[in-house]
């Protein structure tokens, strides 16, 4: 299976602008910019780190749902936030960490089994496996 996306950029780094589209059409000429990436200018679109965070949160949530189900625990709701850190490093910028924060409603779930499932999902989701940085996790079981 292969998925694709497309990005187009016009102009200089700081004054330019770009558009991102995805194969599914969910993203269709979605704007992205330097301002949205480095200056908190949300009016200028999205940025790569935000998109990586969305992908990671979604992937982790799906993996956790599967692992919980296999362990005999039913999740009613999984809410995950991925905080992606972009820092200036020697030679430019780098993603230096991802912090996953998840709240899971799983009535009757065993807290220890839940914690193991959350850590297994963090390690096993395909997006976690492709990110070359420290990934931390804060998992809360809500009953």
Protein backbone atom coordinates (compact mmCIF):
# COMPACT_ATOMS: atom_id res chain seq x y z
CA UNK A 1 0.00 0.00 0.00
CA UNK A 2 1.23 3.46 -0.83
CA UNK A 3 -0.25 6.86 -0.02
CA UNK A 4 0.74 10.16 -1.58
CA UNK A 5 0.60 13.87 -1.01
CA UNK A 6 1.82 16.85 -2.97
CA UNK A 7 3.37 20.16 -1.96
CA UNK A 8 4.00 23.23 -4.11
CA UNK A 9 5.99 26.29 -2.97
CA UNK A 10 6.18 29.73 -4.55
CA UNK A 11 8.70 32.43 -3.68
CA UNK A 12 11.33 32.94 -1.02
CA UNK A 13 11.38 31.13 2.30
CA UNK A 14 10.03 33.93 4.49
CA UNK A 15 7.78 35.72 2.01
CA UNK A 16 6.68 32.74 -0.05
CA UNK A 17 3.71 30.49 0.36
CA UNK A 18 2.79 26.94 -0.41
CA UNK A 19 -0.07 24.52 -0.84
CA UNK A 20 -0.39 20.92 0.28
CA UNK A 21 -2.82 18.38 -1.18
CA UNK A 22 -3.41 14.75 -0.27
CA UNK A 23 -4.44 11.79 -2.38
CA UNK A 24 -7.73 11.46 -0.46
CA UNK A 25 -8.61 15.09 -1.12
CA UNK A 26 -8.99 15.86 2.58
CA UNK A 27 -6.18 18.33 2.09
CA UNK A 28 -6.78 20.19 -1.15
CA UNK A 29 -4.55 23.15 -1.90
CA UNK A 30 -4.29 23.72 1.86
CA UNK A 31 -1.99 26.70 2.47
CA UNK A 32 1.24 26.45 4.46
CA UNK A 33 3.84 29.12 5.16
CA UNK A 34 6.93 30.28 7.01
CA UNK A 35 4.72 32.42 9.24
CA UNK A 36 2.55 29.48 10.24
CA UNK A 37 5.67 27.43 10.96
CA UNK A 38 7.94 29.88 12.77
CA UNK A 39 5.86 32.90 13.77
CA UNK A 40 2.61 31.42 15.13
CA UNK A 41 0.78 33.08 12.21
CA UNK A 42 -2.13 30.64 11.98
CA UNK A 43 -3.84 32.81 9.36
CA UNK A 44 -1.16 31.74 6.87
CA UNK A 45 -2.08 28.08 6.94
CA UNK A 46 -0.65 24.93 8.42
CA UNK A 47 2.93 23.68 8.76
CA UNK A 48 4.75 20.36 8.45
CA UNK A 49 5.07 19.83 12.22
CA UNK A 50 1.33 20.30 12.73
CA UNK A 51 0.66 17.74 10.00
CA UNK A 52 3.15 15.29 11.53
CA UNK A 53 1.43 15.80 14.89
CA UNK A 54 -1.98 15.07 13.39
CA UNK A 55 -0.66 11.96 11.68
CA UNK A 56 1.04 10.76 14.86
CA UNK A 57 -2.01 11.37 17.09
CA UNK A 58 -4.27 9.56 14.63
CA UNK A 59 -1.91 6.62 14.14
CA UNK A 60 -1.30 6.22 17.88
CA UNK A 61 -5.05 6.35 18.66
CA UNK A 62 -5.84 3.67 16.09
CA UNK A 63 -2.98 1.45 17.31
CA UNK A 64 -4.09 1.85 20.92
CA UNK A 65 -7.67 0.95 20.01
CA UNK A 66 -6.46 -2.25 18.33
CA UNK A 67 -4.15 -3.23 21.21
CA UNK A 68 -6.82 -2.57 23.83
CA UNK A 69 -9.33 -4.67 21.88
CA UNK A 70 -6.84 -7.56 21.55
CA UNK A 71 -6.30 -7.37 25.34
CA UNK A 72 -10.05 -7.63 25.95
CA UNK A 73 -10.59 -3.96 26.81
CA UNK A 74 -13.11 -1.85 24.92
CA UNK A 75 -12.30 1.78 24.36
CA UNK A 76 -15.30 4.08 24.06
CA UNK A 77 -13.22 7.14 23.20
CA UNK A 78 -9.53 7.93 22.67
CA UNK A 79 -8.46 11.59 22.56
CA UNK A 80 -4.80 12.11 21.69
CA UNK A 81 -2.78 15.29 21.29
CA UNK A 82 0.71 15.19 19.78
CA UNK A 83 2.98 18.09 20.70
CA UNK A 84 5.78 18.23 18.13
CA UNK A 85 8.87 20.23 19.16
CA UNK A 86 10.80 22.07 16.47
CA UNK A 87 14.05 23.58 17.74
CA UNK A 88 16.92 25.50 16.23
CA UNK A 89 19.96 23.26 16.11
CA UNK A 90 23.38 23.54 14.56
CA UNK A 91 22.85 23.76 10.85
CA UNK A 92 19.14 24.65 10.92
CA UNK A 93 16.06 23.25 12.60
CA UNK A 94 15.08 19.76 13.76
CA UNK A 95 12.14 17.99 15.33
CA UNK A 96 13.55 17.27 18.77
CA UNK A 97 10.66 15.50 20.40
CA UNK A 98 7.04 14.44 20.29
CA UNK A 99 4.93 14.32 23.44
CA UNK A 100 1.75 12.28 23.15
CA UNK A 101 -1.04 13.09 25.58
CA UNK A 102 -3.95 10.68 25.50
CA UNK A 103 -7.14 10.34 27.51
CA UNK A 104 -8.95 7.08 27.06
CA UNK A 105 -12.44 6.15 28.13
CA UNK A 106 -12.41 2.39 28.62
CA UNK A 107 -14.86 1.33 31.34
CA UNK A 108 -13.57 -1.52 33.48
CA UNK A 109 -10.09 -1.50 31.95
CA UNK A 110 -7.27 -2.73 34.14
CA UNK A 111 -4.92 0.24 34.75
CA UNK A 112 -1.72 -1.82 34.42
CA UNK A 113 -2.89 -3.51 31.23
CA UNK A 114 -3.95 -0.10 29.90
CA UNK A 115 -0.53 1.39 30.62
CA UNK A 116 1.17 -1.51 28.81
CA UNK A 117 -1.19 -1.12 25.85
CA UNK A 118 -0.47 2.61 25.64
CA UNK A 119 3.28 2.05 25.67
CA UNK A 120 2.98 -0.72 23.07
CA UNK A 121 0.96 1.62 20.84
CA UNK A 122 3.56 4.37 21.26
CA UNK A 123 6.32 2.00 20.16
CA UNK A 124 4.36 0.14 17.53
CA UNK A 125 2.38 2.66 15.54
CA UNK A 126 3.94 3.17 12.09
CA UNK A 127 4.31 6.93 12.54
CA UNK A 128 6.22 6.43 15.81
CA UNK A 129 8.52 4.04 14.00
CA UNK A 130 9.40 6.58 11.30
CA UNK A 131 10.01 9.54 13.63
CA UNK A 132 13.69 9.75 14.58
CA UNK A 133 13.38 11.59 17.89
CA UNK A 134 12.35 10.99 21.50
CA UNK A 135 8.67 10.20 21.93
CA UNK A 136 7.18 10.63 25.39
CA UNK A 137 3.74 9.59 26.53
CA UNK A 138 1.24 10.76 29.11
CA UNK A 139 -1.68 8.31 29.19
CA UNK A 140 -4.75 8.78 31.37
CA UNK A 141 -7.47 6.15 31.78
CA UNK A 142 -10.90 7.71 32.29
CA UNK A 143 -13.64 5.41 33.55
